[in-house]
Amino acid sequence: MDYETVFYVVGSVLAASAVIFTFAALKSERFPGRAAPVVAVYFIALVGATTTFAVLQSQHEEEQREQEAGIPAATEEAEEAEAK
């Protein structure tokens, strides 16, 4: 599975979870109660995963564009500059 697919899956789960938890909170006076730390960790993990795969996908796309244009990767340029 590529980064783009994982990004869209995790992002969709994050969005759906936000809607579901919002409706649960609106219907219940005690939500989330004792489960607040679990809910917080759940959302922090989803946001972290979504952000990570967004960055990985953007880096992958940048590398593809550079290869298509025949431009050497930025890391190669930095290594060449250090060697001089």
PDB file of N, CA and C in Angstrom:
ATOM      1  N   MET A   1       0.847  -1.167   0.000  1.00  0.00           N
ATOM      2  CA  MET A   1       0.000   0.000   0.000  1.00  0.00           C
ATOM      3  C   MET A   1       0.900   1.241   0.000  1.00  0.00           C
ATOM      4  N   ASP A   2       0.610   2.192  -0.847  1.00  0.00           N
ATOM      5  CA  ASP A   2       1.432   3.388  -0.905  1.00  0.00           C
ATOM      6  C   ASP A   2       0.990   4.416   0.133  1.00  0.00           C
ATOM      7  N   TYR A   3       1.812   5.448   0.315  1.00  0.00           N
ATOM      8  CA  TYR A   3       1.559   6.460   1.339  1.00  0.00           C
ATOM      9  C   TYR A   3       0.235   7.183   1.115  1.00  0.00           C
ATOM     10  N   GLU A   4      -0.088   7.423  -0.142  1.00  0.00           N
ATOM     11  CA  GLU A   4      -1.314   8.156  -0.444  1.00  0.00           C
ATOM     12  C   GLU A   4      -2.547   7.397   0.034  1.00  0.00           C
ATOM     13  N   THR A   5      -2.582   6.101  -0.211  1.00  0.00           N
ATOM     14  CA  THR A   5      -3.720   5.286   0.207  1.00  0.00           C
ATOM     15  C   THR A   5      -3.845   5.268   1.723  1.00  0.00           C
ATOM     16  N   VAL A   6      -2.718   5.077   2.399  1.00  0.00           N
ATOM     17  CA  VAL A   6      -2.748   5.046   3.867  1.00  0.00           C
ATOM     18  C   VAL A   6      -3.190   6.401   4.407  1.00  0.00           C
ATOM     19  N   PHE A   7      -2.703   7.475   3.804  1.00  0.00           N
ATOM     20  CA  PHE A   7      -3.111   8.816   4.229  1.00  0.00           C
ATOM     21  C   PHE A   7      -4.624   8.996   4.121  1.00  0.00           C
ATOM     22  N   TYR A   8      -5.194   8.592   2.985  1.00  0.00           N
ATOM     23  CA  TYR A   8      -6.630   8.752   2.807  1.00  0.00           C
ATOM     24  C   TYR A   8      -7.435   7.862   3.751  1.00  0.00           C
ATOM     25  N   VAL A   9      -6.961   6.659   3.999  1.00  0.00           N
ATOM     26  CA  VAL A   9      -7.674   5.755   4.914  1.00  0.00           C
ATOM     27  C   VAL A   9      -7.645   6.306   6.338  1.00  0.00           C
ATOM     28  N   VAL A  10      -6.456   6.666   6.812  1.00  0.00           N
ATOM     29  CA  VAL A  10      -6.329   7.161   8.182  1.00  0.00           C
ATOM     30  C   VAL A  10      -7.052   8.506   8.332  1.00  0.00           C
ATOM     31  N   GLY A  11      -6.949   9.350   7.330  1.00  0.00           N
ATOM     32  CA  GLY A  11      -7.658  10.626   7.376  1.00  0.00           C
ATOM     33  C   GLY A  11      -9.162  10.458   7.401  1.00  0.00           C
ATOM     34  N   SER A  12      -9.665   9.485   6.653  1.00  0.00           N
ATOM     35  CA  SER A  12     -11.105   9.207   6.657  1.00  0.00           C
ATOM     36  C   SER A  12     -11.562   8.663   8.011  1.00  0.00           C
ATOM     37  N   VAL A  13     -10.748   7.792   8.595  1.00  0.00           N
ATOM     38  CA  VAL A  13     -11.071   7.269   9.928  1.00  0.00           C
ATOM     39  C   VAL A  13     -11.077   8.406  10.946  1.00  0.00           C
ATOM     40  N   LEU A  14     -10.132   9.323  10.830  1.00  0.00           N
ATOM     41  CA  LEU A  14     -10.082  10.474  11.732  1.00  0.00           C
ATOM     42  C   LEU A  14     -11.339  11.329  11.595  1.00  0.00           C
ATOM     43  N   ALA A  15     -11.730  11.628  10.371  1.00  0.00           N
ATOM     44  CA  ALA A  15     -12.918  12.459  10.151  1.00  0.00           C
ATOM     45  C   ALA A  15     -14.188  11.765  10.641  1.00  0.00           C
ATOM     46  N   ALA A  16     -14.318  10.474  10.326  1.00  0.00           N
ATOM     47  CA  ALA A  16     -15.504   9.727  10.774  1.00  0.00           C
ATOM     48  C   ALA A  16     -15.540   9.632  12.292  1.00  0.00           C
ATOM     49  N   SER A  17     -14.389   9.413  12.904  1.00  0.00           N
ATOM     50  CA  SER A  17     -14.331   9.333  14.367  1.00  0.00           C
ATOM     51  C   SER A  17     -14.732  10.658  15.004  1.00  0.00           C
ATOM     52  N   ALA A  18     -14.293  11.748  14.424  1.00  0.00           N
ATOM     53  CA  ALA A  18     -14.643  13.061  14.964  1.00  0.00           C
ATOM     54  C   ALA A  18     -16.153  13.267  14.935  1.00  0.00           C
ATOM     55  N   VAL A  19     -16.782  12.882  13.842  1.00  0.00           N
ATOM     56  CA  VAL A  19     -18.240  13.035  13.737  1.00  0.00           C
ATOM     57  C   VAL A  19     -18.951  12.124  14.734  1.00  0.00           C
ATOM     58  N   ILE A  20     -18.522  10.884  14.813  1.00  0.00           N
ATOM     59  CA  ILE A  20     -19.161   9.921  15.721  1.00  0.00           C
ATOM     60  C   ILE A  20     -19.001  10.358  17.179  1.00  0.00           C
ATOM     61  N   PHE A  21     -17.790  10.758  17.557  1.00  0.00           N
ATOM     62  CA  PHE A  21     -17.570  11.181  18.938  1.00  0.00           C
ATOM     63  C   PHE A  21     -18.315  12.476  19.247  1.00  0.00           C
ATOM     64  N   THR A  22     -18.475  13.349  18.273  1.00  0.00           N
ATOM     65  CA  THR A  22     -19.238  14.573  18.486  1.00  0.00           C
ATOM     66  C   THR A  22     -20.693  14.259  18.768  1.00  0.00           C
ATOM     67  N   PHE A  23     -21.292  13.369  17.968  1.00  0.00           N
ATOM     68  CA  PHE A  23     -22.687  12.988  18.219  1.00  0.00           C
ATOM     69  C   PHE A  23     -22.837  12.291  19.565  1.00  0.00           C
ATOM     70  N   ALA A  24     -21.883  11.463  19.935  1.00  0.00           N
ATOM     71  CA  ALA A  24     -21.935  10.790  21.231  1.00  0.00           C
ATOM     72  C   ALA A  24     -21.854  11.810  22.364  1.00  0.00           C
ATOM     73  N   ALA A  25     -21.019  12.808  22.194  1.00  0.00           N
ATOM     74  CA  ALA A  25     -20.882  13.838  23.223  1.00  0.00           C
ATOM     75  C   ALA A  25     -22.136  14.698  23.330  1.00  0.00           C
ATOM     76  N   LEU A  26     -22.793  14.947  22.208  1.00  0.00           N
ATOM     77  CA  LEU A  26     -24.008  15.750  22.240  1.00  0.00           C
ATOM     78  C   LEU A  26     -25.180  14.990  22.868  1.00  0.00           C
ATOM     79  N   LYS A  27     -25.193  13.682  22.737  1.00  0.00           N
ATOM     80  CA  LYS A  27     -26.293  12.869  23.256  1.00  0.00           C
ATOM     81  C   LYS A  27     -26.115  12.494  24.729  1.00  0.00           C
ATOM     82  N   SER A  28     -24.893  12.499  25.217  1.00  0.00           N
ATOM     83  CA  SER A  28     -24.623  12.046  26.575  1.00  0.00           C
ATOM     84  C   SER A  28     -24.053  13.181  27.411  1.00  0.00           C
ATOM     85  N   GLU A  29     -24.593  13.355  28.604  1.00  0.00           N
ATOM     86  CA  GLU A  29     -24.085  14.403  29.484  1.00  0.00           C
ATOM     87  C   GLU A  29     -22.754  14.015  30.106  1.00  0.00           C
ATOM     88  N   ARG A  30     -22.487  12.740  30.211  1.00  0.00           N
ATOM     89  CA  ARG A  30     -21.295  12.266  30.901  1.00  0.00           C
ATOM     90  C   ARG A  30     -20.156  11.877  29.954  1.00  0.00           C
ATOM     91  N   PHE A  31     -20.313  12.107  28.697  1.00  0.00           N
ATOM     92  CA  PHE A  31     -19.280  11.716  27.734  1.00  0.00           C
ATOM     93  C   PHE A  31     -18.106  12.663  27.817  1.00  0.00           C
ATOM     94  N   PRO A  32     -16.888  12.265  27.770  1.00  0.00           N
ATOM     95  CA  PRO A  32     -16.371  10.909  27.752  1.00  0.00           C
ATOM     96  C   PRO A  32     -16.150  10.317  29.131  1.00  0.00           C
ATOM     97  N   GLY A  33     -16.324  11.112  30.182  1.00  0.00           N
ATOM     98  CA  GLY A  33     -16.189  10.568  31.534  1.00  0.00           C
ATOM     99  C   GLY A  33     -14.800  10.036  31.792  1.00  0.00           C
ATOM    100  N   ARG A  34     -14.750   8.821  32.311  1.00  0.00           N
ATOM    101  CA  ARG A  34     -13.451   8.201  32.633  1.00  0.00           C
ATOM    102  C   ARG A  34     -12.674   7.817  31.375  1.00  0.00           C
ATOM    103  N   ALA A  35     -13.316   7.771  30.266  1.00  0.00           N
ATOM    104  CA  ALA A  35     -12.654   7.381  29.016  1.00  0.00           C
ATOM    105  C   ALA A  35     -11.932   8.554  28.346  1.00  0.00           C
ATOM    106  N   ALA A  36     -11.935   9.712  28.955  1.00  0.00           N
ATOM    107  CA  ALA A  36     -11.309  10.890  28.346  1.00  0.00           C
ATOM    108  C   ALA A  36      -9.848  10.650  27.957  1.00  0.00           C
ATOM    109  N   PRO A  37      -9.013  10.049  28.814  1.00  0.00           N
ATOM    110  CA  PRO A  37      -7.624   9.813  28.394  1.00  0.00           C
ATOM    111  C   PRO A  37      -7.521   8.873  27.187  1.00  0.00           C
ATOM    112  N   VAL A  38      -8.379   7.864  27.144  1.00  0.00           N
ATOM    113  CA  VAL A  38      -8.361   6.921  26.023  1.00  0.00           C
ATOM    114  C   VAL A  38      -8.775   7.626  24.734  1.00  0.00           C
ATOM    115  N   VAL A  39      -9.807   8.447  24.820  1.00  0.00           N
ATOM    116  CA  VAL A  39     -10.274   9.193  23.652  1.00  0.00           C
ATOM    117  C   VAL A  39      -9.191  10.169  23.182  1.00  0.00           C
ATOM    118  N   ALA A  40      -8.531  10.829  24.126  1.00  0.00           N
ATOM    119  CA  ALA A  40      -7.468  11.772  23.770  1.00  0.00           C
ATOM    120  C   ALA A  40      -6.312  11.056  23.072  1.00  0.00           C
ATOM    121  N   VAL A  41      -5.887   9.927  23.614  1.00  0.00           N
ATOM    122  CA  VAL A  41      -4.791   9.169  23.006  1.00  0.00           C
ATOM    123  C   VAL A  41      -5.192   8.666  21.618  1.00  0.00           C
ATOM    124  N   TYR A  42      -6.436   8.223  21.474  1.00  0.00           N
ATOM    125  CA  TYR A  42      -6.956   7.747  20.188  1.00  0.00           C
ATOM    126  C   TYR A  42      -6.847   8.837  19.124  1.00  0.00           C
ATOM    127  N   PHE A  43      -7.305  10.040  19.472  1.00  0.00           N
ATOM    128  CA  PHE A  43      -7.269  11.123  18.495  1.00  0.00           C
ATOM    129  C   PHE A  43      -5.849  11.624  18.247  1.00  0.00           C
ATOM    130  N   ILE A  44      -5.024  11.645  19.272  1.00  0.00           N
ATOM    131  CA  ILE A  44      -3.628  12.048  19.077  1.00  0.00           C
ATOM    132  C   ILE A  44      -2.928  11.078  18.136  1.00  0.00           C
ATOM    133  N   ALA A  45      -3.189   9.786  18.307  1.00  0.00           N
ATOM    134  CA  ALA A  45      -2.586   8.779  17.424  1.00  0.00           C
ATOM    135  C   ALA A  45      -3.073   8.945  15.987  1.00  0.00           C
ATOM    136  N   LEU A  46      -4.361   9.188  15.806  1.00  0.00           N
ATOM    137  CA  LEU A  46      -4.895   9.358  14.449  1.00  0.00           C
ATOM    138  C   LEU A  46      -4.339  10.616  13.780  1.00  0.00           C
ATOM    139  N   VAL A  47      -4.274  11.704  14.523  1.00  0.00           N
ATOM    140  CA  VAL A  47      -3.730  12.944  13.957  1.00  0.00           C
ATOM    141  C   VAL A  47      -2.254  12.754  13.627  1.00  0.00           C
ATOM    142  N   GLY A  48      -1.515  12.096  14.509  1.00  0.00           N
ATOM    143  CA  GLY A  48      -0.099  11.833  14.248  1.00  0.00           C
ATOM    144  C   GLY A  48       0.109  10.970  13.017  1.00  0.00           C
ATOM    145  N   ALA A  49      -0.697   9.915  12.884  1.00  0.00           N
ATOM    146  CA  ALA A  49      -0.576   9.025  11.723  1.00  0.00           C
ATOM    147  C   ALA A  49      -0.945   9.757  10.433  1.00  0.00           C
ATOM    148  N   THR A  50      -2.009  10.531  10.479  1.00  0.00           N
ATOM    149  CA  THR A  50      -2.432  11.275   9.295  1.00  0.00           C
ATOM    150  C   THR A  50      -1.347  12.264   8.866  1.00  0.00           C
ATOM    151  N   THR A  51      -0.802  12.980   9.819  1.00  0.00           N
ATOM    152  CA  THR A  51       0.246  13.953   9.521  1.00  0.00           C
ATOM    153  C   THR A  51       1.495  13.270   8.967  1.00  0.00           C
ATOM    154  N   THR A  52       1.875  12.161   9.581  1.00  0.00           N
ATOM    155  CA  THR A  52       3.065  11.435   9.134  1.00  0.00           C
ATOM    156  C   THR A  52       2.930  10.983   7.691  1.00  0.00           C
ATOM    157  N   PHE A  53       1.792  10.385   7.360  1.00  0.00           N
ATOM    158  CA  PHE A  53       1.625   9.892   5.994  1.00  0.00           C
ATOM    159  C   PHE A  53       1.430  11.016   4.991  1.00  0.00           C
ATOM    160  N   ALA A  54       0.911  12.156   5.424  1.00  0.00           N
ATOM    161  CA  ALA A  54       0.822  13.310   4.527  1.00  0.00           C
ATOM    162  C   ALA A  54       2.222  13.806   4.160  1.00  0.00           C
ATOM    163  N   VAL A  55       3.105  13.877   5.147  1.00  0.00           N
ATOM    164  CA  VAL A  55       4.476  14.325   4.903  1.00  0.00           C
ATOM    165  C   VAL A  55       5.218  13.314   4.028  1.00  0.00           C
ATOM    166  N   LEU A  56       5.080  12.032   4.342  1.00  0.00           N
ATOM    167  CA  LEU A  56       5.745  10.999   3.545  1.00  0.00           C
ATOM    168  C   LEU A  56       5.267  11.028   2.091  1.00  0.00           C
ATOM    169  N   GLN A  57       3.969  11.225   1.896  1.00  0.00           N
ATOM    170  CA  GLN A  57       3.435  11.283   0.534  1.00  0.00           C
ATOM    171  C   GLN A  57       3.963  12.505  -0.208  1.00  0.00           C
ATOM    172  N   SER A  58       4.039  13.643   0.468  1.00  0.00           N
ATOM    173  CA  SER A  58       4.538  14.850  -0.211  1.00  0.00           C
ATOM    174  C   SER A  58       6.015  14.698  -0.575  1.00  0.00           C
ATOM    175  N   GLN A  59       6.801  14.055   0.287  1.00  0.00           N
ATOM    176  CA  GLN A  59       8.205  13.814  -0.037  1.00  0.00           C
ATOM    177  C   GLN A  59       8.335  12.861  -1.224  1.00  0.00           C
ATOM    178  N   HIS A  60       7.500  11.847  -1.247  1.00  0.00           N
ATOM    179  CA  HIS A  60       7.522  10.886  -2.351  1.00  0.00           C
ATOM    180  C   HIS A  60       7.156  11.569  -3.675  1.00  0.00           C
ATOM    181  N   GLU A  61       6.134  12.409  -3.651  1.00  0.00           N
ATOM    182  CA  GLU A  61       5.738  13.129  -4.862  1.00  0.00           C
ATOM    183  C   GLU A  61       6.835  14.074  -5.331  1.00  0.00           C
ATOM    184  N   GLU A  62       7.505  14.723  -4.393  1.00  0.00           N
ATOM    185  CA  GLU A  62       8.588  15.636  -4.755  1.00  0.00           C
ATOM    186  C   GLU A  62       9.729  14.875  -5.434  1.00  0.00           C
ATOM    187  N   GLU A  63      10.077  13.717  -4.894  1.00  0.00           N
ATOM    188  CA  GLU A  63      11.124  12.897  -5.497  1.00  0.00           C
ATOM    189  C   GLU A  63      10.729  12.452  -6.900  1.00  0.00           C
ATOM    190  N   GLN A  64       9.463  12.079  -7.080  1.00  0.00           N
ATOM    191  CA  GLN A  64       8.995  11.661  -8.406  1.00  0.00           C
ATOM    192  C   GLN A  64       9.091  12.808  -9.399  1.00  0.00           C
ATOM    193  N   ARG A  65       8.680  14.003  -8.996  1.00  0.00           N
ATOM    194  CA  ARG A  65       8.757  15.164  -9.890  1.00  0.00           C
ATOM    195  C   ARG A  65      10.194  15.475 -10.274  1.00  0.00           C
ATOM    196  N   GLU A  66      11.099  15.378  -9.302  1.00  0.00           N
ATOM    197  CA  GLU A  66      12.504  15.646  -9.585  1.00  0.00           C
ATOM    198  C   GLU A  66      13.074  14.620 -10.553  1.00  0.00           C
ATOM    199  N   GLN A  67      12.690  13.358 -10.391  1.00  0.00           N
ATOM    200  CA  GLN A  67      13.168  12.316 -11.295  1.00  0.00           C
ATOM    201  C   GLN A  67      12.631  12.519 -12.699  1.00  0.00           C
ATOM    202  N   GLU A  68      11.368  12.912 -12.803  1.00  0.00           N
ATOM    203  CA  GLU A  68      10.768  13.149 -14.117  1.00  0.00           C
ATOM    204  C   GLU A  68      11.416  14.337 -14.815  1.00  0.00           C
ATOM    205  N   ALA A  69      11.796  15.339 -14.042  1.00  0.00           N
ATOM    206  CA  ALA A  69      12.401  16.538 -14.619  1.00  0.00           C
ATOM    207  C   ALA A  69      13.905  16.383 -14.806  1.00  0.00           C
ATOM    208  N   GLY A  70      14.482  15.298 -14.284  1.00  0.00           N
ATOM    209  CA  GLY A  70      15.913  15.082 -14.421  1.00  0.00           C
ATOM    210  C   GLY A  70      16.738  15.893 -13.454  1.00  0.00           C
ATOM    211  N   ILE A  71      16.122  16.374 -12.394  1.00  0.00           N
ATOM    212  CA  ILE A  71      16.823  17.160 -11.382  1.00  0.00           C
ATOM    213  C   ILE A  71      17.308  16.206 -10.298  1.00  0.00           C
ATOM    214  N   PRO A  72      18.591  16.285  -9.919  1.00  0.00           N
ATOM    215  CA  PRO A  72      19.060  15.405  -8.845  1.00  0.00           C
ATOM    216  C   PRO A  72      18.390  15.755  -7.524  1.00  0.00           C
ATOM    217  N   ALA A  73      18.232  14.772  -6.696  1.00  0.00           N
ATOM    218  CA  ALA A  73      17.581  14.978  -5.403  1.00  0.00           C
ATOM    219  C   ALA A  73      18.380  15.954  -4.556  1.00  0.00           C
ATOM    220  N   ALA A  74      17.706  16.642  -3.658  1.00  0.00           N
ATOM    221  CA  ALA A  74      18.352  17.650  -2.822  1.00  0.00           C
ATOM    222  C   ALA A  74      19.448  17.041  -1.962  1.00  0.00           C
ATOM    223  N   THR A  75      19.281  15.815  -1.536  1.00  0.00           N
ATOM    224  CA  THR A  75      20.306  15.177  -0.711  1.00  0.00           C
ATOM    225  C   THR A  75      21.579  14.942  -1.507  1.00  0.00           C
ATOM    226  N   GLU A  76      21.439  14.612  -2.786  1.00  0.00           N
ATOM    227  CA  GLU A  76      22.619  14.414  -3.621  1.00  0.00           C
ATOM    228  C   GLU A  76      23.372  15.728  -3.807  1.00  0.00           C
ATOM    229  N   GLU A  77      22.655  16.817  -3.976  1.00  0.00           N
ATOM    230  CA  GLU A  77      23.286  18.116  -4.127  1.00  0.00           C
ATOM    231  C   GLU A  77      24.025  18.500  -2.860  1.00  0.00           C
ATOM    232  N   ALA A  78      23.440  18.211  -1.719  1.00  0.00           N
ATOM    233  CA  ALA A  78      24.081  18.547  -0.448  1.00  0.00           C
ATOM    234  C   ALA A  78      25.356  17.730  -0.255  1.00  0.00           C
ATOM    235  N   GLU A  79      25.319  16.460  -0.619  1.00  0.00           N
ATOM    236  CA  GLU A  79      26.509  15.609  -0.506  1.00  0.00           C
ATOM    237  C   GLU A  79      27.626  16.102  -1.422  1.00  0.00           C
ATOM    238  N   GLU A  80      27.273  16.533  -2.622  1.00  0.00           N
ATOM    239  CA  GLU A  80      28.267  17.050  -3.562  1.00  0.00           C
ATOM    240  C   GLU A  80      28.889  18.332  -3.032  1.00  0.00           C
ATOM    241  N   ALA A  81      28.062  19.190  -2.421  1.00  0.00           N
ATOM    242  CA  ALA A  81      28.565  20.459  -1.879  1.00  0.00           C
ATOM    243  C   ALA A  81      29.502  20.209  -0.702  1.00  0.00           C
ATOM    244  N   GLU A  82      29.202  19.216   0.112  1.00  0.00           N
ATOM    245  CA  GLU A  82      30.057  18.893   1.262  1.00  0.00           C
ATOM    246  C   GLU A  82      31.381  18.301   0.790  1.00  0.00           C
ATOM    247  N   ALA A  83      31.381  17.560  -0.300  1.00  0.00           N
ATOM    248  CA  ALA A  83      32.593  16.921  -0.795  1.00  0.00           C
ATOM    249  C   ALA A  83      33.605  17.942  -1.317  1.00  0.00           C
ATOM    250  N   LYS A  84      33.132  19.103  -1.737  1.00  0.00           N
ATOM    251  CA  LYS A  84      34.010  20.127  -2.323  1.00  0.00           C
ATOM    252  C   LYS A  84      34.761  20.868  -1.292  1.00  0.00           C
TER     253      LYS A  84
END
